[in-house]
Amino acid sequence: MTSLSIVVRRAALAILGGTLALVAQAAIPSSPRLQRIADSGQLRVCIWPDYYGVSYRNPRSLELSGIDIDNARHVARALGVQPVFVDSSFARLIDDLHSDRCDVAMFAIGITPQRQGKLAFTQPHLISDVYAITTKANPRIQRWDDIDKPGVVVVVAKGTLHEPLMRERLRAAELRVVDTPAAREQEVLSGRADVFMTDYPFGRRMLDLNDWARLIVPPSPYHLTPYAWAMKPDDDVFRARIDQILAEMKASGLLRSHAKRHGLEPIVAP
C-alpha cells in the first residue's frame, strides 16, 4: 500500500468515525433539564418544611431533616451536583413546578388522579393509609366509625389528597377545609372541629410532639395512597434518570435505611 493510499484510508476512517460518533450522540435523547442542572451545579428541590419525618425544618435550629431530605441529598450526589431546597406546599406544588421554581418536588407527594393530569411522577417510595387525629378529651370520637356521623366536624388542609378524598367519602359529617396544616390542628385543639385527617408521617408527628393528640386508626385499609417525587411533565429523560436513581436506592437498601432513620420503615414501598 502506497503512502498516499495510507493517508486516504486514514482520512476515510476518521470521517467514518466522526459520522458514527455523531449518530451515536444523536441516538442519546437530549434533556434540557439535566443539562441545566449540570451547568448550574444545583438540583433545585421543592419541599414542604412542615412535614415531620419527611421534609421538616426544626423551628429552633432551622435544620432540615426527614426521609426526603436524605433522599434529595443522595439524588443530587448521584447527579454530581448540590441540592438547593425551595420551600413549597401541597397547595402550591403544581404552580411551583410549572413555574420552574424547582426541578423536582420531594416531600412524599401522594399520587392522585388530579395530580397525574398535571405532573410526572417517579415510582412510589412510600405508601400510607389515612388516619384521624382528635383530642384525648373528645368524648364523641373513640373509634373510626364515630367519624362520619351527624354533628361531627372533619377538617382537612387545602391542597392535600385528603380534601378530594373526604369530599367523596363523607356522608353525614361536616367537612371543613382550611388553608394550612397548623389551622387544621387549631380547629381540633380549640374544639371547633372533632378530627382532622392525615397520613402516617404526620400522625407520628402529632403523637411525638403533642400530648393532647390521639390517633384514630381505621380498622381496615381505608385509602392506601402511594407517595412519590413529582416533576413538570416536560422532560421524560429527566424523569427516567430520577426514577433510575430511586430504583437503585431501593435495590441497595439505602431507601429503607433512610426510612428507618426517620421512623417510616413500615410504609416503605416495595
Protein backbone atom coordinates (compact mmCIF):
# COMPACT_ATOMS: atom_id res chain seq x y z
CA MET A 1 0.00 0.00 0.00
CA THR A 2 1.42 3.37 -1.05
CA SER A 3 1.87 6.21 1.40
CA LEU A 4 -0.92 8.08 -0.43
CA SER A 5 -3.26 5.14 -0.02
CA ILE A 6 -2.48 5.00 3.69
CA VAL A 7 -3.28 8.71 4.06
CA VAL A 8 -6.55 8.31 2.15
CA ARG A 9 -7.50 5.25 4.23
CA ARG A 10 -6.80 7.07 7.49
CA ALA A 11 -8.84 10.07 6.35
CA ALA A 12 -11.74 7.82 5.40
CA LEU A 13 -11.61 6.10 8.78
CA ALA A 14 -11.55 9.46 10.54
CA ILE A 15 -14.58 10.64 8.61
CA LEU A 16 -16.39 7.36 9.32
CA GLY A 17 -15.50 7.57 12.99
CA GLY A 18 -16.78 11.12 13.19
CA THR A 19 -20.00 10.14 11.47
CA LEU A 20 -20.55 7.23 13.83
CA ALA A 21 -19.91 9.49 16.81
CA LEU A 22 -22.49 11.94 15.55
CA VAL A 23 -25.01 9.13 15.01
CA ALA A 24 -24.35 7.76 18.50
CA GLN A 25 -24.72 11.22 20.00
CA ALA A 26 -27.98 11.77 18.16
CA ALA A 27 -29.28 8.43 19.49
CA ILE A 28 -28.98 9.70 23.06
CA PRO A 29 -32.16 11.64 23.96
CA SER A 30 -31.46 15.19 24.97
CA SER A 31 -32.55 16.50 28.35
CA PRO A 32 -32.62 20.27 28.76
CA ARG A 33 -33.23 19.98 32.48
CA LEU A 34 -30.36 17.58 33.13
CA GLN A 35 -28.12 19.90 31.13
CA ARG A 36 -29.25 22.93 33.12
CA ILE A 37 -28.68 21.07 36.38
CA ALA A 38 -25.17 20.07 35.27
CA ASP A 39 -24.35 23.60 34.09
CA SER A 40 -25.57 25.24 37.31
CA GLY A 41 -24.21 22.57 39.65
CA GLN A 42 -27.53 22.62 41.51
CA LEU A 43 -30.60 20.40 41.83
CA ARG A 44 -33.49 22.59 43.00
CA VAL A 45 -35.77 20.54 45.25
CA CYS A 46 -39.18 21.72 46.38
CA ILE A 47 -40.06 20.65 49.92
CA TRP A 48 -42.82 21.24 52.43
CA PRO A 49 -40.82 22.19 55.56
CA ASP A 50 -43.63 21.25 57.99
CA TYR A 51 -43.72 17.56 57.00
CA TYR A 52 -42.37 15.75 60.07
CA GLY A 53 -40.21 12.76 59.20
CA VAL A 54 -40.28 13.69 55.51
CA SER A 55 -39.01 17.25 54.95
CA TYR A 56 -39.13 19.00 58.30
CA ARG A 57 -37.39 22.24 59.31
CA ASN A 58 -36.74 22.45 63.02
CA PRO A 59 -38.17 25.82 64.14
CA ARG A 60 -35.33 26.37 66.60
CA SER A 61 -32.23 25.19 64.73
CA LEU A 62 -33.70 25.67 61.22
CA GLU A 63 -32.06 22.37 60.34
CA LEU A 64 -33.79 20.24 57.72
CA SER A 65 -34.38 16.55 58.36
CA GLY A 66 -36.55 13.73 57.07
CA ILE A 67 -36.50 10.88 54.61
CA ASP A 68 -36.85 13.08 51.54
CA ILE A 69 -34.15 15.45 52.73
CA ASP A 70 -31.79 12.45 52.92
CA ASN A 71 -33.11 11.21 49.58
CA ALA A 72 -32.66 14.58 47.90
CA ARG A 73 -29.07 14.84 49.04
CA HIS A 74 -28.35 11.40 47.61
CA VAL A 75 -30.07 12.17 44.29
CA ALA A 76 -28.04 15.37 43.98
CA ARG A 77 -24.81 13.45 44.67
CA ALA A 78 -25.77 10.88 42.02
CA LEU A 79 -26.14 13.74 39.53
CA GLY A 80 -22.84 15.27 40.62
CA VAL A 81 -24.39 18.49 41.94
CA GLN A 82 -25.54 20.14 45.18
CA PRO A 83 -29.16 20.20 46.43
CA VAL A 84 -30.89 23.55 46.87
CA PHE A 85 -34.09 23.31 48.92
CA VAL A 86 -37.05 25.51 47.94
CA ASP A 87 -39.99 25.92 50.32
CA SER A 88 -43.29 24.83 48.81
CA SER A 89 -46.54 23.18 49.96
CA PHE A 90 -49.21 20.86 48.67
CA ALA A 91 -51.37 23.85 47.74
CA ARG A 92 -48.53 25.43 45.70
CA LEU A 93 -46.97 22.22 44.40
CA ILE A 94 -48.25 22.28 40.81
CA ASP A 95 -47.67 26.02 40.35
CA ASP A 96 -44.14 25.81 41.76
CA LEU A 97 -43.17 23.02 39.37
CA HIS A 98 -44.82 24.56 36.32
CA SER A 99 -43.29 27.97 37.02
CA ASP A 100 -39.84 26.34 37.26
CA ARG A 101 -39.17 27.27 40.89
CA CYS A 102 -37.69 23.81 41.32
CA ASP A 103 -36.63 20.81 39.25
CA VAL A 104 -38.28 18.14 41.37
CA ALA A 105 -40.63 18.10 44.35
CA MET A 106 -39.55 15.66 47.04
CA PHE A 107 -41.91 15.64 50.01
CA ALA A 108 -43.82 12.35 49.83
CA ILE A 109 -46.39 13.52 47.30
CA GLY A 110 -49.47 11.35 47.02
CA ILE A 111 -50.13 10.09 43.50
CA THR A 112 -53.73 11.09 42.80
CA PRO A 113 -55.67 11.25 39.50
CA GLN A 114 -55.89 15.03 39.82
CA ARG A 115 -52.13 15.40 40.16
CA GLN A 116 -51.34 12.81 37.48
CA GLY A 117 -53.07 15.03 34.96
CA LYS A 118 -50.58 17.84 35.64
CA LEU A 119 -47.40 16.22 36.96
CA ALA A 120 -44.97 13.43 36.16
CA PHE A 121 -44.15 11.01 38.98
CA THR A 122 -41.42 8.57 39.84
CA GLN A 123 -42.27 5.10 41.04
CA PRO A 124 -43.67 5.15 44.61
CA HIS A 125 -41.23 5.19 47.51
CA LEU A 126 -43.80 5.19 50.36
CA ILE A 127 -47.40 4.02 50.79
CA SER A 128 -49.66 5.41 53.52
CA ASP A 129 -53.23 4.95 54.64
CA VAL A 130 -55.45 7.72 56.05
CA TYR A 131 -55.60 8.38 59.80
CA ALA A 132 -57.51 10.80 62.01
CA ILE A 133 -56.30 12.96 64.87
CA THR A 134 -58.60 14.03 67.68
CA THR A 135 -58.03 15.21 71.24
CA LYS A 136 -57.84 12.92 74.24
CA ALA A 137 -60.65 14.99 75.75
CA ASN A 138 -63.11 14.47 72.89
CA PRO A 139 -65.77 12.03 74.15
CA ARG A 140 -67.54 11.61 70.80
CA ILE A 141 -64.66 10.18 68.79
CA GLN A 142 -63.42 6.88 70.21
CA ARG A 143 -63.04 4.80 67.06
CA TRP A 144 -63.09 5.20 63.28
CA ASP A 145 -66.83 4.52 62.96
CA ASP A 146 -67.56 7.58 65.11
CA ILE A 147 -66.19 9.99 62.50
CA ASP A 148 -68.82 10.04 59.75
CA LYS A 149 -71.83 10.88 61.89
CA PRO A 150 -74.20 13.88 62.07
CA GLY A 151 -72.77 16.75 64.11
CA VAL A 152 -69.14 15.69 63.66
CA VAL A 153 -66.82 18.23 62.02
CA VAL A 154 -63.92 16.86 59.98
CA VAL A 155 -61.07 19.17 58.94
CA VAL A 156 -58.65 18.76 56.03
CA ALA A 157 -55.87 21.00 54.73
CA LYS A 158 -56.36 22.65 51.37
CA GLY A 159 -54.43 21.05 48.54
CA THR A 160 -53.77 17.74 50.31
CA LEU A 161 -55.03 14.45 48.94
CA HIS A 162 -57.43 14.28 51.91
CA GLU A 163 -59.52 17.16 50.56
CA PRO A 164 -61.00 15.39 47.49
CA LEU A 165 -61.00 12.04 49.28
CA MET A 166 -63.12 13.20 52.20
CA ARG A 167 -65.45 15.16 49.92
CA GLU A 168 -66.15 11.84 48.25
CA ARG A 169 -66.29 9.62 51.32
CA LEU A 170 -68.14 11.61 53.98
CA ARG A 171 -71.90 11.16 54.06
CA ALA A 172 -73.09 12.57 57.41
CA ALA A 173 -70.22 14.57 58.95
CA GLU A 174 -69.44 18.18 58.02
CA LEU A 175 -66.24 18.76 56.04
CA ARG A 176 -64.22 21.91 56.69
CA VAL A 177 -61.25 22.91 54.50
CA VAL A 178 -58.59 25.20 55.99
CA ASP A 179 -55.59 26.82 54.35
CA THR A 180 -52.76 25.32 56.42
CA PRO A 181 -51.98 22.23 58.49
CA ALA A 182 -51.49 24.49 61.52
CA ALA A 183 -55.03 25.81 61.10
CA ARG A 184 -56.23 22.24 60.87
CA GLU A 185 -54.66 21.43 64.22
CA GLN A 186 -56.05 24.59 65.83
CA GLU A 187 -59.58 23.73 64.73
CA VAL A 188 -59.38 20.41 66.55
CA LEU A 189 -57.50 21.67 69.59
CA SER A 190 -59.96 24.53 70.08
CA GLY A 191 -62.96 22.19 69.84
CA ARG A 192 -64.34 23.84 66.69
CA ALA A 193 -63.74 20.53 64.91
CA ASP A 194 -63.63 16.94 66.09
CA VAL A 195 -60.93 15.37 63.93
CA PHE A 196 -58.53 16.18 61.14
CA MET A 197 -57.41 13.71 58.52
CA THR A 198 -53.75 12.98 57.97
CA ASP A 199 -51.28 10.28 56.99
CA TYR A 200 -48.73 8.07 58.74
CA PRO A 201 -45.80 10.53 58.89
CA PHE A 202 -47.86 13.47 60.14
CA GLY A 203 -49.74 11.21 62.54
CA ARG A 204 -46.39 10.29 64.09
CA ARG A 205 -45.54 13.97 64.38
CA MET A 206 -48.73 14.72 66.27
CA LEU A 207 -48.15 11.92 68.78
CA ASP A 208 -44.47 12.73 69.22
CA LEU A 209 -44.90 16.48 69.74
CA ASN A 210 -48.38 16.94 71.28
CA ASP A 211 -49.58 15.32 74.48
CA TRP A 212 -53.20 16.24 73.69
CA ALA A 213 -53.37 14.28 70.43
CA ARG A 214 -54.99 10.89 69.97
CA LEU A 215 -54.64 8.82 66.80
CA ILE A 216 -57.68 7.09 65.31
CA VAL A 217 -56.72 4.16 63.07
CA PRO A 218 -59.11 2.65 60.51
CA PRO A 219 -59.98 -1.00 61.30
CA SER A 220 -59.12 -1.98 57.72
CA PRO A 221 -57.36 -0.18 54.85
CA TYR A 222 -59.34 2.99 54.15
CA HIS A 223 -57.49 4.54 51.23
CA LEU A 224 -53.90 3.47 50.59
CA THR A 225 -52.01 6.13 48.66
CA PRO A 226 -48.60 5.68 47.00
CA TYR A 227 -46.20 8.58 47.55
CA ALA A 228 -43.51 9.59 45.07
CA TRP A 229 -41.45 12.51 43.78
CA ALA A 230 -43.02 14.83 41.22
CA MET A 231 -41.79 16.82 38.24
CA LYS A 232 -43.13 19.03 35.49
CA PRO A 233 -44.12 16.65 32.67
CA ASP A 234 -41.86 18.20 30.04
CA ASP A 235 -38.71 16.06 30.19
CA ASP A 236 -39.10 12.28 30.07
CA VAL A 237 -35.34 11.74 30.12
CA PHE A 238 -35.00 13.68 33.37
CA ARG A 239 -37.90 11.78 34.94
CA ALA A 240 -36.38 8.46 33.87
CA ARG A 241 -33.00 9.40 35.35
CA ILE A 242 -34.53 10.34 38.72
CA ASP A 243 -36.58 7.15 38.67
CA GLN A 244 -33.45 5.14 37.94
CA ILE A 245 -31.69 6.63 40.97
CA LEU A 246 -34.70 5.78 43.14
CA ALA A 247 -34.73 2.19 41.84
CA GLU A 248 -31.04 1.87 42.71
CA MET A 249 -31.74 3.22 46.21
CA LYS A 250 -34.42 0.57 46.70
CA ALA A 251 -32.20 -2.24 45.43
CA SER A 252 -29.24 -1.24 47.61
CA GLY A 253 -31.33 -0.83 50.77
CA LEU A 254 -30.49 2.87 51.03
CA LEU A 255 -34.14 3.96 50.81
CA ARG A 256 -35.12 1.63 53.63
CA SER A 257 -32.17 2.87 55.69
CA HIS A 258 -33.35 6.46 55.26
CA ALA A 259 -36.91 5.43 56.19
CA LYS A 260 -35.76 3.59 59.30
CA ARG A 261 -33.78 6.63 60.47
CA HIS A 262 -36.98 8.69 60.47
CA GLY A 263 -39.44 6.11 61.75
CA LEU A 264 -41.07 5.45 58.39
CA GLU A 265 -39.87 1.93 57.63
CA PRO A 266 -43.41 0.45 57.98
CA ILE A 267 -44.61 2.41 54.92
CA VAL A 268 -41.69 1.88 52.52
CA ALA A 269 -42.95 0.88 49.08
CA PRO A 270 -41.64 -2.38 47.61
